[in-house]
């Protein structure tokens, strides 16, 4: 298997970044010192917690941006029901008055 045959979906990368960012925010807010079945997160001092918090926010923002689908901007089709101007001598914007010609 060559590297060129591996395709990575950007949406999946976004989801992974959101999860890692959320875990980083949890560690920053709780301050560590908790144990789970899979991992042991030690207590950390306040200064590294600020760095972990900022890291988590950045990962969350990038993850949300990458996982948000982008809709292509489509140009509206020209209005085919609009009447063609057959009178070439008529003004482009005729005056709007009550019974007066406006000239």
PDB file of N, CA and C in Angstrom:
ATOM      1  N   UNK A   1       0.843  -1.162   0.000  1.00  0.00           N
ATOM      2  CA  UNK A   1       0.000   0.000   0.000  1.00  0.00           C
ATOM      3  C   UNK A   1       0.893   1.231   0.000  1.00  0.00           C
ATOM      4  N   UNK A   2       0.659   2.126  -0.933  1.00  0.00           N
ATOM      5  CA  UNK A   2       1.452   3.339  -1.001  1.00  0.00           C
ATOM      6  C   UNK A   2       0.732   4.487  -0.294  1.00  0.00           C
ATOM      7  N   UNK A   3       1.478   5.501   0.040  1.00  0.00           N
ATOM      8  CA  UNK A   3       0.902   6.642   0.739  1.00  0.00           C
ATOM      9  C   UNK A   3      -0.106   7.363  -0.139  1.00  0.00           C
ATOM     10  N   UNK A   4       0.108   7.372  -1.438  1.00  0.00           N
ATOM     11  CA  UNK A   4      -0.807   8.087  -2.320  1.00  0.00           C
ATOM     12  C   UNK A   4      -2.171   7.420  -2.391  1.00  0.00           C
ATOM     13  N   UNK A   5      -2.279   6.154  -2.014  1.00  0.00           N
ATOM     14  CA  UNK A   5      -3.571   5.475  -2.061  1.00  0.00           C
ATOM     15  C   UNK A   5      -4.380   5.670  -0.784  1.00  0.00           C
ATOM     16  N   UNK A   6      -3.790   6.306   0.225  1.00  0.00           N
ATOM     17  CA  UNK A   6      -4.511   6.552   1.469  1.00  0.00           C
ATOM     18  C   UNK A   6      -5.225   7.890   1.353  1.00  0.00           C
ATOM     19  N   UNK A   7      -6.537   7.856   1.560  1.00  0.00           N
ATOM     20  CA  UNK A   7      -7.289   9.104   1.523  1.00  0.00           C
ATOM     21  C   UNK A   7      -7.823   9.398   2.923  1.00  0.00           C
ATOM     22  N   UNK A   8      -7.720  10.649   3.321  1.00  0.00           N
ATOM     23  CA  UNK A   8      -8.176  11.063   4.633  1.00  0.00           C
ATOM     24  C   UNK A   8      -9.336  12.018   4.440  1.00  0.00           C
ATOM     25  N   UNK A   9     -10.446  11.696   5.062  1.00  0.00           N
ATOM     26  CA  UNK A   9     -11.606  12.561   4.992  1.00  0.00           C
ATOM     27  C   UNK A   9     -11.417  13.696   5.991  1.00  0.00           C
ATOM     28  N   UNK A  10     -11.506  14.923   5.524  1.00  0.00           N
ATOM     29  CA  UNK A  10     -11.286  16.095   6.370  1.00  0.00           C
ATOM     30  C   UNK A  10     -12.325  16.149   7.493  1.00  0.00           C
ATOM     31  N   UNK A  11     -13.526  15.684   7.240  1.00  0.00           N
ATOM     32  CA  UNK A  11     -14.552  15.667   8.282  1.00  0.00           C
ATOM     33  C   UNK A  11     -14.160  14.779   9.454  1.00  0.00           C
ATOM     34  N   UNK A  12     -13.525  13.634   9.158  1.00  0.00           N
ATOM     35  CA  UNK A  12     -13.072  12.748  10.229  1.00  0.00           C
ATOM     36  C   UNK A  12     -11.949  13.387  11.039  1.00  0.00           C
ATOM     37  N   UNK A  13     -11.062  14.099  10.370  1.00  0.00           N
ATOM     38  CA  UNK A  13      -9.991  14.794  11.077  1.00  0.00           C
ATOM     39  C   UNK A  13     -10.598  15.850  11.999  1.00  0.00           C
ATOM     40  N   UNK A  14     -11.629  16.539  11.526  1.00  0.00           N
ATOM     41  CA  UNK A  14     -12.311  17.533  12.343  1.00  0.00           C
ATOM     42  C   UNK A  14     -12.926  16.933  13.591  1.00  0.00           C
ATOM     43  N   UNK A  15     -13.518  15.769  13.454  1.00  0.00           N
ATOM     44  CA  UNK A  15     -14.132  15.100  14.605  1.00  0.00           C
ATOM     45  C   UNK A  15     -13.060  14.687  15.608  1.00  0.00           C
ATOM     46  N   UNK A  16     -11.948  14.180  15.110  1.00  0.00           N
ATOM     47  CA  UNK A  16     -10.846  13.783  16.002  1.00  0.00           C
ATOM     48  C   UNK A  16     -10.311  15.002  16.748  1.00  0.00           C
ATOM     49  N   UNK A  17     -10.159  16.125  16.044  1.00  0.00           N
ATOM     50  CA  UNK A  17      -9.683  17.342  16.694  1.00  0.00           C
ATOM     51  C   UNK A  17     -10.660  17.841  17.752  1.00  0.00           C
ATOM     52  N   UNK A  18     -11.956  17.726  17.493  1.00  0.00           N
ATOM     53  CA  UNK A  18     -12.954  18.141  18.477  1.00  0.00           C
ATOM     54  C   UNK A  18     -12.853  17.288  19.729  1.00  0.00           C
ATOM     55  N   UNK A  19     -12.689  15.987  19.559  1.00  0.00           N
ATOM     56  CA  UNK A  19     -12.589  15.089  20.714  1.00  0.00           C
ATOM     57  C   UNK A  19     -11.334  15.395  21.529  1.00  0.00           C
ATOM     58  N   UNK A  20     -10.205  15.548  20.853  1.00  0.00           N
ATOM     59  CA  UNK A  20      -8.964  15.857  21.566  1.00  0.00           C
ATOM     60  C   UNK A  20      -9.063  17.221  22.247  1.00  0.00           C
ATOM     61  N   UNK A  21      -9.669  18.187  21.581  1.00  0.00           N
ATOM     62  CA  UNK A  21      -9.854  19.505  22.173  1.00  0.00           C
ATOM     63  C   UNK A  21     -10.761  19.463  23.393  1.00  0.00           C
ATOM     64  N   UNK A  22     -11.823  18.660  23.330  1.00  0.00           N
ATOM     65  CA  UNK A  22     -12.731  18.541  24.468  1.00  0.00           C
ATOM     66  C   UNK A  22     -12.036  17.882  25.660  1.00  0.00           C
ATOM     67  N   UNK A  23     -11.232  16.871  25.399  1.00  0.00           N
ATOM     68  CA  UNK A  23     -10.482  16.213  26.491  1.00  0.00           C
ATOM     69  C   UNK A  23      -9.474  17.196  27.086  1.00  0.00           C
ATOM     70  N   UNK A  24      -8.823  17.990  26.233  1.00  0.00           N
ATOM     71  CA  UNK A  24      -7.872  18.981  26.737  1.00  0.00           C
ATOM     72  C   UNK A  24      -8.570  20.017  27.609  1.00  0.00           C
ATOM     73  N   UNK A  25      -9.752  20.462  27.189  1.00  0.00           N
ATOM     74  CA  UNK A  25     -10.504  21.412  28.006  1.00  0.00           C
ATOM     75  C   UNK A  25     -10.922  20.789  29.332  1.00  0.00           C
ATOM     76  N   UNK A  26     -11.311  19.533  29.302  1.00  0.00           N
ATOM     77  CA  UNK A  26     -11.689  18.850  30.537  1.00  0.00           C
ATOM     78  C   UNK A  26     -10.511  18.780  31.496  1.00  0.00           C
ATOM     79  N   UNK A  27      -9.345  18.437  30.976  1.00  0.00           N
ATOM     80  CA  UNK A  27      -8.146  18.366  31.816  1.00  0.00           C
ATOM     81  C   UNK A  27      -7.814  19.755  32.364  1.00  0.00           C
ATOM     82  N   UNK A  28      -7.946  20.788  31.522  1.00  0.00           N
ATOM     83  CA  UNK A  28      -7.627  22.142  31.974  1.00  0.00           C
ATOM     84  C   UNK A  28      -8.604  22.621  33.042  1.00  0.00           C
ATOM     85  N   UNK A  29      -9.868  22.296  32.894  1.00  0.00           N
ATOM     86  CA  UNK A  29     -10.865  22.772  33.851  1.00  0.00           C
ATOM     87  C   UNK A  29     -10.835  21.986  35.154  1.00  0.00           C
ATOM     88  N   UNK A  30     -10.643  20.688  35.059  1.00  0.00           N
ATOM     89  CA  UNK A  30     -10.620  19.846  36.260  1.00  0.00           C
ATOM     90  C   UNK A  30      -9.257  19.937  36.933  1.00  0.00           C
ATOM     91  N   UNK A  31      -8.215  20.108  36.157  1.00  0.00           N
ATOM     92  CA  UNK A  31      -6.879  20.209  36.712  1.00  0.00           C
ATOM     93  C   UNK A  31      -6.175  18.882  36.848  1.00  0.00           C
ATOM     94  N   UNK A  32      -6.692  17.884  36.247  1.00  0.00           N
ATOM     95  CA  UNK A  32      -6.071  16.561  36.334  1.00  0.00           C
ATOM     96  C   UNK A  32      -6.378  15.899  37.660  1.00  0.00           C
ATOM     97  N   UNK A  33      -5.635  14.898  37.966  1.00  0.00           N
ATOM     98  CA  UNK A  33      -5.817  14.182  39.219  1.00  0.00           C
ATOM     99  C   UNK A  33      -6.975  13.209  39.202  1.00  0.00           C
ATOM    100  N   UNK A  34      -7.347  12.713  38.040  1.00  0.00           N
ATOM    101  CA  UNK A  34      -8.388  11.694  38.025  1.00  0.00           C
ATOM    102  C   UNK A  34      -7.909  10.466  37.276  1.00  0.00           C
ATOM    103  N   UNK A  35      -8.505   9.369  37.597  1.00  0.00           N
ATOM    104  CA  UNK A  35      -8.107   8.065  37.062  1.00  0.00           C
ATOM    105  C   UNK A  35      -9.303   7.441  36.359  1.00  0.00           C
ATOM    106  N   UNK A  36      -9.044   6.820  35.226  1.00  0.00           N
ATOM    107  CA  UNK A  36     -10.072   6.035  34.540  1.00  0.00           C
ATOM    108  C   UNK A  36      -9.519   4.642  34.309  1.00  0.00           C
ATOM    109  N   UNK A  37     -10.337   3.844  33.706  1.00  0.00           N
ATOM    110  CA  UNK A  37      -9.936   2.469  33.414  1.00  0.00           C
ATOM    111  C   UNK A  37      -8.771   2.446  32.415  1.00  0.00           C
ATOM    112  N   UNK A  38      -8.734   3.453  31.521  1.00  0.00           N
ATOM    113  CA  UNK A  38      -7.752   3.449  30.451  1.00  0.00           C
ATOM    114  C   UNK A  38      -6.559   4.361  30.699  1.00  0.00           C
ATOM    115  N   UNK A  39      -6.732   5.375  31.529  1.00  0.00           N
ATOM    116  CA  UNK A  39      -5.659   6.354  31.682  1.00  0.00           C
ATOM    117  C   UNK A  39      -5.611   6.928  33.093  1.00  0.00           C
ATOM    118  N   UNK A  40      -4.488   7.522  33.401  1.00  0.00           N
ATOM    119  CA  UNK A  40      -4.285   8.178  34.687  1.00  0.00           C
ATOM    120  C   UNK A  40      -3.745   9.574  34.391  1.00  0.00           C
ATOM    121  N   UNK A  41      -4.538  10.599  34.696  1.00  0.00           N
ATOM    122  CA  UNK A  41      -4.125  11.970  34.417  1.00  0.00           C
ATOM    123  C   UNK A  41      -3.691  12.608  35.729  1.00  0.00           C
ATOM    124  N   UNK A  42      -2.409  12.958  35.827  1.00  0.00           N
ATOM    125  CA  UNK A  42      -1.905  13.516  37.083  1.00  0.00           C
ATOM    126  C   UNK A  42      -2.371  14.961  37.278  1.00  0.00           C
ATOM    127  N   UNK A  43      -2.264  15.449  38.522  1.00  0.00           N
ATOM    128  CA  UNK A  43      -2.587  16.847  38.804  1.00  0.00           C
ATOM    129  C   UNK A  43      -1.551  17.735  38.128  1.00  0.00           C
ATOM    130  N   UNK A  44      -2.028  18.849  37.592  1.00  0.00           N
ATOM    131  CA  UNK A  44      -1.117  19.799  36.971  1.00  0.00           C
ATOM    132  C   UNK A  44      -1.314  21.170  37.618  1.00  0.00           C
ATOM    133  N   UNK A  45      -0.258  21.964  37.592  1.00  0.00           N
ATOM    134  CA  UNK A  45      -0.305  23.282  38.215  1.00  0.00           C
ATOM    135  C   UNK A  45      -1.080  24.264  37.322  1.00  0.00           C
ATOM    136  N   UNK A  46      -1.444  25.430  37.844  1.00  0.00           N
ATOM    137  CA  UNK A  46      -2.280  26.375  37.079  1.00  0.00           C
ATOM    138  C   UNK A  46      -1.658  26.888  35.785  1.00  0.00           C
ATOM    139  N   UNK A  47      -0.359  27.102  35.732  1.00  0.00           N
ATOM    140  CA  UNK A  47       0.248  27.663  34.507  1.00  0.00           C
ATOM    141  C   UNK A  47       0.127  26.694  33.323  1.00  0.00           C
ATOM    142  N   UNK A  48       0.465  25.408  33.480  1.00  0.00           N
ATOM    143  CA  UNK A  48       0.246  24.485  32.349  1.00  0.00           C
ATOM    144  C   UNK A  48      -1.236  24.298  32.025  1.00  0.00           C
ATOM    145  N   UNK A  49      -2.103  24.473  33.007  1.00  0.00           N
ATOM    146  CA  UNK A  49      -3.540  24.343  32.738  1.00  0.00           C
ATOM    147  C   UNK A  49      -4.007  25.408  31.758  1.00  0.00           C
ATOM    148  N   UNK A  50      -3.448  26.614  31.864  1.00  0.00           N
ATOM    149  CA  UNK A  50      -3.807  27.676  30.919  1.00  0.00           C
ATOM    150  C   UNK A  50      -3.377  27.280  29.502  1.00  0.00           C
ATOM    151  N   UNK A  51      -2.181  26.729  29.372  1.00  0.00           N
ATOM    152  CA  UNK A  51      -1.712  26.283  28.057  1.00  0.00           C
ATOM    153  C   UNK A  51      -2.573  25.164  27.490  1.00  0.00           C
ATOM    154  N   UNK A  52      -2.948  24.220  28.344  1.00  0.00           N
ATOM    155  CA  UNK A  52      -3.799  23.118  27.892  1.00  0.00           C
ATOM    156  C   UNK A  52      -5.177  23.642  27.507  1.00  0.00           C
ATOM    157  N   UNK A  53      -5.666  24.628  28.253  1.00  0.00           N
ATOM    158  CA  UNK A  53      -6.959  25.232  27.925  1.00  0.00           C
ATOM    159  C   UNK A  53      -6.913  25.894  26.550  1.00  0.00           C
ATOM    160  N   UNK A  54      -5.885  26.703  26.294  1.00  0.00           N
ATOM    161  CA  UNK A  54      -5.757  27.363  24.994  1.00  0.00           C
ATOM    162  C   UNK A  54      -5.587  26.352  23.860  1.00  0.00           C
ATOM    163  N   UNK A  55      -4.805  25.308  24.127  1.00  0.00           N
ATOM    164  CA  UNK A  55      -4.625  24.237  23.146  1.00  0.00           C
ATOM    165  C   UNK A  55      -5.968  23.574  22.822  1.00  0.00           C
ATOM    166  N   UNK A  56      -6.760  23.314  23.852  1.00  0.00           N
ATOM    167  CA  UNK A  56      -8.070  22.704  23.651  1.00  0.00           C
ATOM    168  C   UNK A  56      -9.014  23.591  22.866  1.00  0.00           C
ATOM    169  N   UNK A  57      -8.989  24.903  23.150  1.00  0.00           N
ATOM    170  CA  UNK A  57      -9.855  25.822  22.416  1.00  0.00           C
ATOM    171  C   UNK A  57      -9.467  25.871  20.942  1.00  0.00           C
ATOM    172  N   UNK A  58      -8.162  25.922  20.674  1.00  0.00           N
ATOM    173  CA  UNK A  58      -7.694  25.962  19.279  1.00  0.00           C
ATOM    174  C   UNK A  58      -8.099  24.686  18.545  1.00  0.00           C
ATOM    175  N   UNK A  59      -7.928  23.537  19.196  1.00  0.00           N
ATOM    176  CA  UNK A  59      -8.317  22.278  18.544  1.00  0.00           C
ATOM    177  C   UNK A  59      -9.820  22.222  18.309  1.00  0.00           C
ATOM    178  N   UNK A  60     -10.601  22.702  19.272  1.00  0.00           N
ATOM    179  CA  UNK A  60     -12.053  22.712  19.078  1.00  0.00           C
ATOM    180  C   UNK A  60     -12.453  23.594  17.898  1.00  0.00           C
ATOM    181  N   UNK A  61     -11.865  24.761  17.809  1.00  0.00           N
ATOM    182  CA  UNK A  61     -12.213  25.670  16.707  1.00  0.00           C
ATOM    183  C   UNK A  61     -11.827  25.057  15.367  1.00  0.00           C
ATOM    184  N   UNK A  62     -10.595  24.555  15.264  1.00  0.00           N
ATOM    185  CA  UNK A  62     -10.179  23.919  14.006  1.00  0.00           C
ATOM    186  C   UNK A  62     -11.032  22.704  13.687  1.00  0.00           C
ATOM    187  N   UNK A  63     -11.350  21.913  14.689  1.00  0.00           N
ATOM    188  CA  UNK A  63     -12.177  20.731  14.459  1.00  0.00           C
ATOM    189  C   UNK A  63     -13.560  21.082  13.969  1.00  0.00           C
ATOM    190  N   UNK A  64     -14.158  22.114  14.552  1.00  0.00           N
ATOM    191  CA  UNK A  64     -15.493  22.521  14.119  1.00  0.00           C
ATOM    192  C   UNK A  64     -15.445  23.090  12.705  1.00  0.00           C
ATOM    193  N   UNK A  65     -14.428  23.880  12.409  1.00  0.00           N
ATOM    194  CA  UNK A  65     -14.302  24.443  11.064  1.00  0.00           C
ATOM    195  C   UNK A  65     -14.102  23.336  10.028  1.00  0.00           C
ATOM    196  N   UNK A  66     -13.267  22.356  10.343  1.00  0.00           N
ATOM    197  CA  UNK A  66     -13.010  21.279   9.383  1.00  0.00           C
ATOM    198  C   UNK A  66     -14.195  20.340   9.211  1.00  0.00           C
ATOM    199  N   UNK A  67     -15.003  20.159  10.256  1.00  0.00           N
ATOM    200  CA  UNK A  67     -16.110  19.219  10.143  1.00  0.00           C
ATOM    201  C   UNK A  67     -17.394  19.869   9.654  1.00  0.00           C
ATOM    202  N   UNK A  68     -17.400  21.195   9.498  1.00  0.00           N
ATOM    203  CA  UNK A  68     -18.580  21.883   8.982  1.00  0.00           C
ATOM    204  C   UNK A  68     -18.592  21.772   7.469  1.00  0.00           C
ATOM    205  N   UNK A  69     -19.692  21.252   6.906  1.00  0.00           N
ATOM    206  CA  UNK A  69     -19.743  21.138   5.448  1.00  0.00           C
ATOM    207  C   UNK A  69     -19.836  22.517   4.799  1.00  0.00           C
ATOM    208  N   UNK A  70     -19.166  22.657   3.678  1.00  0.00           N
ATOM    209  CA  UNK A  70     -19.163  23.917   2.949  1.00  0.00           C
ATOM    210  C   UNK A  70     -20.054  23.750   1.736  1.00  0.00           C
ATOM    211  N   UNK A  71     -21.065  24.609   1.639  1.00  0.00           N
ATOM    212  CA  UNK A  71     -21.931  24.539   0.469  1.00  0.00           C
ATOM    213  C   UNK A  71     -21.354  25.433  -0.614  1.00  0.00           C
ATOM    214  N   UNK A  72     -21.304  24.941  -1.836  1.00  0.00           N
ATOM    215  CA  UNK A  72     -20.747  25.760  -2.913  1.00  0.00           C
ATOM    216  C   UNK A  72     -21.658  26.946  -3.196  1.00  0.00           C
ATOM    217  N   UNK A  73     -21.035  28.086  -3.462  1.00  0.00           N
ATOM    218  CA  UNK A  73     -21.825  29.265  -3.796  1.00  0.00           C
ATOM    219  C   UNK A  73     -22.285  29.133  -5.235  1.00  0.00           C
ATOM    220  N   UNK A  74     -23.587  29.200  -5.409  1.00  0.00           N
ATOM    221  CA  UNK A  74     -24.115  29.063  -6.758  1.00  0.00           C
ATOM    222  C   UNK A  74     -24.629  30.420  -7.228  1.00  0.00           C
ATOM    223  N   UNK A  75     -24.332  30.724  -8.460  1.00  0.00           N
ATOM    224  CA  UNK A  75     -24.839  31.953  -9.049  1.00  0.00           C
ATOM    225  C   UNK A  75     -26.257  31.697  -9.519  1.00  0.00           C
ATOM    226  N   UNK A  76     -27.181  32.593  -9.172  1.00  0.00           N
ATOM    227  CA  UNK A  76     -28.551  32.369  -9.620  1.00  0.00           C
ATOM    228  C   UNK A  76     -28.647  32.492 -11.140  1.00  0.00           C
ATOM    229  N   UNK A  77     -29.495  31.675 -11.703  1.00  0.00           N
ATOM    230  CA  UNK A  77     -29.686  31.694 -13.150  1.00  0.00           C
ATOM    231  C   UNK A  77     -30.398  32.989 -13.528  1.00  0.00           C
ATOM    232  N   UNK A  78     -30.092  33.533 -14.686  1.00  0.00           N
ATOM    233  CA  UNK A  78     -30.801  34.748 -15.105  1.00  0.00           C
ATOM    234  C   UNK A  78     -32.284  34.463 -15.249  1.00  0.00           C
ATOM    235  N   UNK A  79     -33.067  35.470 -14.939  1.00  0.00           N
ATOM    236  CA  UNK A  79     -34.516  35.318 -14.981  1.00  0.00           C
ATOM    237  C   UNK A  79     -34.959  35.218 -16.433  1.00  0.00           C
ATOM    238  N   UNK A  80     -35.374  34.026 -16.829  1.00  0.00           N
ATOM    239  CA  UNK A  80     -35.791  33.815 -18.210  1.00  0.00           C
ATOM    240  C   UNK A  80     -37.217  34.297 -18.433  1.00  0.00           C
ATOM    241  N   UNK A  81     -37.976  34.606 -17.395  1.00  0.00           N
ATOM    242  CA  UNK A  81     -39.345  35.072 -17.529  1.00  0.00           C
ATOM    243  C   UNK A  81     -39.422  36.586 -17.681  1.00  0.00           C
ATOM    244  N   UNK A  82     -38.313  37.285 -17.545  1.00  0.00           N
ATOM    245  CA  UNK A  82     -38.317  38.738 -17.676  1.00  0.00           C
ATOM    246  C   UNK A  82     -38.547  39.109 -19.135  1.00  0.00           C
ATOM    247  N   UNK A  83     -39.436  40.086 -19.356  1.00  0.00           N
ATOM    248  CA  UNK A  83     -39.706  40.463 -20.753  1.00  0.00           C
ATOM    249  C   UNK A  83     -38.511  41.197 -21.359  1.00  0.00           C
ATOM    250  N   UNK A  84     -38.272  40.930 -22.582  1.00  0.00           N
ATOM    251  CA  UNK A  84     -37.191  41.601 -23.293  1.00  0.00           C
ATOM    252  C   UNK A  84     -37.644  43.010 -23.650  1.00  0.00           C
ATOM    253  N   UNK A  85     -36.756  43.960 -23.613  1.00  0.00           N
ATOM    254  CA  UNK A  85     -37.076  45.340 -23.938  1.00  0.00           C
ATOM    255  C   UNK A  85     -37.067  45.484 -25.451  1.00  0.00           C
ATOM    256  N   UNK A  86     -38.259  45.536 -26.041  1.00  0.00           N
ATOM    257  CA  UNK A  86     -38.348  45.618 -27.497  1.00  0.00           C
ATOM    258  C   UNK A  86     -38.265  47.049 -27.983  1.00  0.00           C
ATOM    259  N   UNK A  87     -38.544  48.021 -27.119  1.00  0.00           N
ATOM    260  CA  UNK A  87     -38.496  49.420 -27.500  1.00  0.00           C
ATOM    261  C   UNK A  87     -37.143  49.988 -27.092  1.00  0.00           C
ATOM    262  N   UNK A  88     -36.246  50.144 -28.040  1.00  0.00           N
ATOM    263  CA  UNK A  88     -34.903  50.599 -27.725  1.00  0.00           C
ATOM    264  C   UNK A  88     -34.867  52.091 -27.415  1.00  0.00           C
ATOM    265  N   UNK A  89     -35.921  52.852 -27.763  1.00  0.00           N
ATOM    266  CA  UNK A  89     -35.963  54.281 -27.481  1.00  0.00           C
ATOM    267  C   UNK A  89     -36.526  54.580 -26.105  1.00  0.00           C
ATOM    268  N   UNK A  90     -37.067  53.594 -25.425  1.00  0.00           N
ATOM    269  CA  UNK A  90     -37.673  53.812 -24.106  1.00  0.00           C
ATOM    270  C   UNK A  90     -36.568  54.006 -23.079  1.00  0.00           C
ATOM    271  N   UNK A  91     -36.789  54.881 -22.072  1.00  0.00           N
ATOM    272  CA  UNK A  91     -35.777  55.054 -21.028  1.00  0.00           C
ATOM    273  C   UNK A  91     -35.639  53.794 -20.190  1.00  0.00           C
ATOM    274  N   UNK A  92     -34.456  53.591 -19.662  1.00  0.00           N
ATOM    275  CA  UNK A  92     -34.199  52.384 -18.875  1.00  0.00           C
ATOM    276  C   UNK A  92     -35.040  52.368 -17.609  1.00  0.00           C
ATOM    277  N   UNK A  93     -35.201  53.512 -16.947  1.00  0.00           N
ATOM    278  CA  UNK A  93     -36.015  53.609 -15.741  1.00  0.00           C
ATOM    279  C   UNK A  93     -37.073  54.681 -15.961  1.00  0.00           C
ATOM    280  N   UNK A  94     -38.259  54.277 -16.376  1.00  0.00           N
ATOM    281  CA  UNK A  94     -39.289  55.278 -16.636  1.00  0.00           C
ATOM    282  C   UNK A  94     -39.699  55.961 -15.343  1.00  0.00           C
ATOM    283  N   UNK A  95     -40.099  57.239 -15.412  1.00  0.00           N
ATOM    284  CA  UNK A  95     -40.506  57.951 -14.206  1.00  0.00           C
ATOM    285  C   UNK A  95     -41.800  57.393 -13.651  1.00  0.00           C
ATOM    286  N   UNK A  96     -41.932  57.472 -12.327  1.00  0.00           N
ATOM    287  CA  UNK A  96     -43.138  56.979 -11.656  1.00  0.00           C
ATOM    288  C   UNK A  96     -43.870  58.174 -11.080  1.00  0.00           C
ATOM    289  N   UNK A  97     -44.890  58.590 -11.738  1.00  0.00           N
ATOM    290  CA  UNK A  97     -45.673  59.726 -11.272  1.00  0.00           C
ATOM    291  C   UNK A  97     -47.155  59.448 -11.464  1.00  0.00           C
ATOM    292  N   UNK A  98     -47.995  60.282 -10.866  1.00  0.00           N
ATOM    293  CA  UNK A  98     -49.445  60.097 -11.001  1.00  0.00           C
ATOM    294  C   UNK A  98     -49.945  60.923 -12.168  1.00  0.00           C
ATOM    295  N   UNK A  99     -49.997  60.328 -13.311  1.00  0.00           N
ATOM    296  CA  UNK A  99     -50.543  60.974 -14.476  1.00  0.00           C
ATOM    297  C   UNK A  99     -49.616  61.962 -15.144  1.00  0.00           C
ATOM    298  N   UNK A 100     -48.478  62.230 -14.581  1.00  0.00           N
ATOM    299  CA  UNK A 100     -47.546  63.175 -15.211  1.00  0.00           C
ATOM    300  C   UNK A 100     -46.470  62.393 -15.948  1.00  0.00           C
ATOM    301  N   UNK A 101     -45.986  62.965 -16.987  1.00  0.00           N
ATOM    302  CA  UNK A 101     -44.976  62.271 -17.755  1.00  0.00           C
ATOM    303  C   UNK A 101     -43.613  62.317 -17.087  1.00  0.00           C
ATOM    304  N   UNK A 102     -43.386  63.328 -16.263  1.00  0.00           N
ATOM    305  CA  UNK A 102     -42.135  63.417 -15.540  1.00  0.00           C
ATOM    306  C   UNK A 102     -41.031  64.074 -16.315  1.00  0.00           C
ATOM    307  N   UNK A 103     -41.314  64.562 -17.541  1.00  0.00           N
ATOM    308  CA  UNK A 103     -40.294  65.215 -18.348  1.00  0.00           C
ATOM    309  C   UNK A 103     -40.426  66.688 -18.258  1.00  0.00           C
TER     310      UNK A 103
END
